[in-house]
Amino acid sequence: MSSQRILEPPHELWRAGARELAHGVVERLSVARQALAEVGQFLTEIESRGPMELFGHGSTAGLVR
C-alpha cells in the first residue's frame, strides 16, 4: 500500500478526493477501535482491583459515568 498523506481535518478536507476521504475514515475508525480495545483493558483491570477502593465508585460503569 502506498503511503498517502494523512489529511488534517477540518481545514484540508476540501482538497481531498474520494479515495483520500475514504482512506481517512478507515484510518480513523481503525485508531478508534484500537483505543476502545485499550480502554476495555483498563476498565477490566480497574474492575478486578475494585473500583470502590481505587476511585470511590461501586462499579466501572459508575466510574465511566
Protein backbone atom coordinates (compact mmCIF):
# COMPACT_ATOMS: atom_id res chain seq x y z
CA MET A 1 0.00 0.00 0.00
CA SER A 2 1.38 3.39 -0.91
CA SER A 3 1.98 5.86 1.85
CA GLN A 4 -0.63 8.55 1.49
CA ARG A 5 -0.59 11.89 3.20
CA ILE A 6 -2.87 11.93 6.22
CA LEU A 7 -5.33 14.78 5.93
CA GLU A 8 -5.74 17.07 8.88
CA PRO A 9 -9.40 17.91 9.34
CA PRO A 10 -11.22 20.15 9.02
CA HIS A 11 -9.28 22.73 7.01
CA GLU A 12 -7.80 20.44 4.32
CA LEU A 13 -10.74 18.15 3.63
CA TRP A 14 -11.98 20.27 0.74
CA ARG A 15 -8.83 19.26 -1.18
CA ALA A 16 -9.42 15.52 -0.75
CA GLY A 17 -10.56 13.18 -3.46
CA ALA A 18 -12.94 10.30 -2.88
CA ARG A 19 -10.13 7.81 -2.16
CA GLU A 20 -8.46 10.12 0.34
CA LEU A 21 -11.74 10.73 2.14
CA ALA A 22 -12.48 7.00 2.34
CA HIS A 23 -8.92 6.29 3.50
CA GLY A 24 -9.26 8.95 6.20
CA VAL A 25 -12.45 7.36 7.50
CA VAL A 26 -10.97 3.84 7.51
CA GLU A 27 -7.78 5.02 9.18
CA ARG A 28 -9.56 6.92 11.94
CA LEU A 29 -12.03 4.10 12.60
CA SER A 30 -9.09 1.74 12.99
CA VAL A 31 -7.48 4.09 15.52
CA ALA A 32 -10.80 4.46 17.37
CA ARG A 33 -11.30 0.68 17.55
CA GLN A 34 -7.80 0.19 18.92
CA ALA A 35 -8.34 2.91 21.51
CA LEU A 36 -11.65 1.37 22.61
CA ALA A 37 -9.99 -2.03 22.99
CA GLU A 38 -7.34 -0.46 25.19
CA VAL A 39 -9.97 1.34 27.28
CA GLY A 40 -11.62 -2.05 27.79
CA GLN A 41 -8.36 -3.45 29.11
CA PHE A 42 -8.02 -0.56 31.57
CA LEU A 43 -11.62 -0.99 32.75
CA THR A 44 -11.15 -4.74 33.18
CA GLU A 45 -8.09 -4.14 35.35
CA ILE A 46 -9.94 -1.50 37.41
CA GLU A 47 -12.86 -3.90 37.89
CA SER A 48 -10.50 -6.67 39.01
CA ARG A 49 -8.91 -4.39 41.63
CA GLY A 50 -12.17 -2.94 42.90
CA PRO A 51 -13.38 0.42 41.62
CA MET A 52 -14.69 1.41 45.06
CA GLU A 53 -11.27 1.18 46.67
CA LEU A 54 -9.46 2.79 43.75
CA PHE A 55 -11.88 5.58 42.84
CA GLY A 56 -14.82 5.57 45.24
CA HIS A 57 -17.28 4.12 42.72
CA GLY A 58 -19.22 0.89 43.16
CA SER A 59 -18.64 -0.22 39.59
CA THR A 60 -16.68 0.65 36.48
CA ALA A 61 -19.98 1.83 34.94
CA GLY A 62 -20.29 4.37 37.75
CA LEU A 63 -16.70 5.45 37.19
CA VAL A 64 -17.25 5.98 33.46
CA ARG A 65 -20.45 7.95 34.03
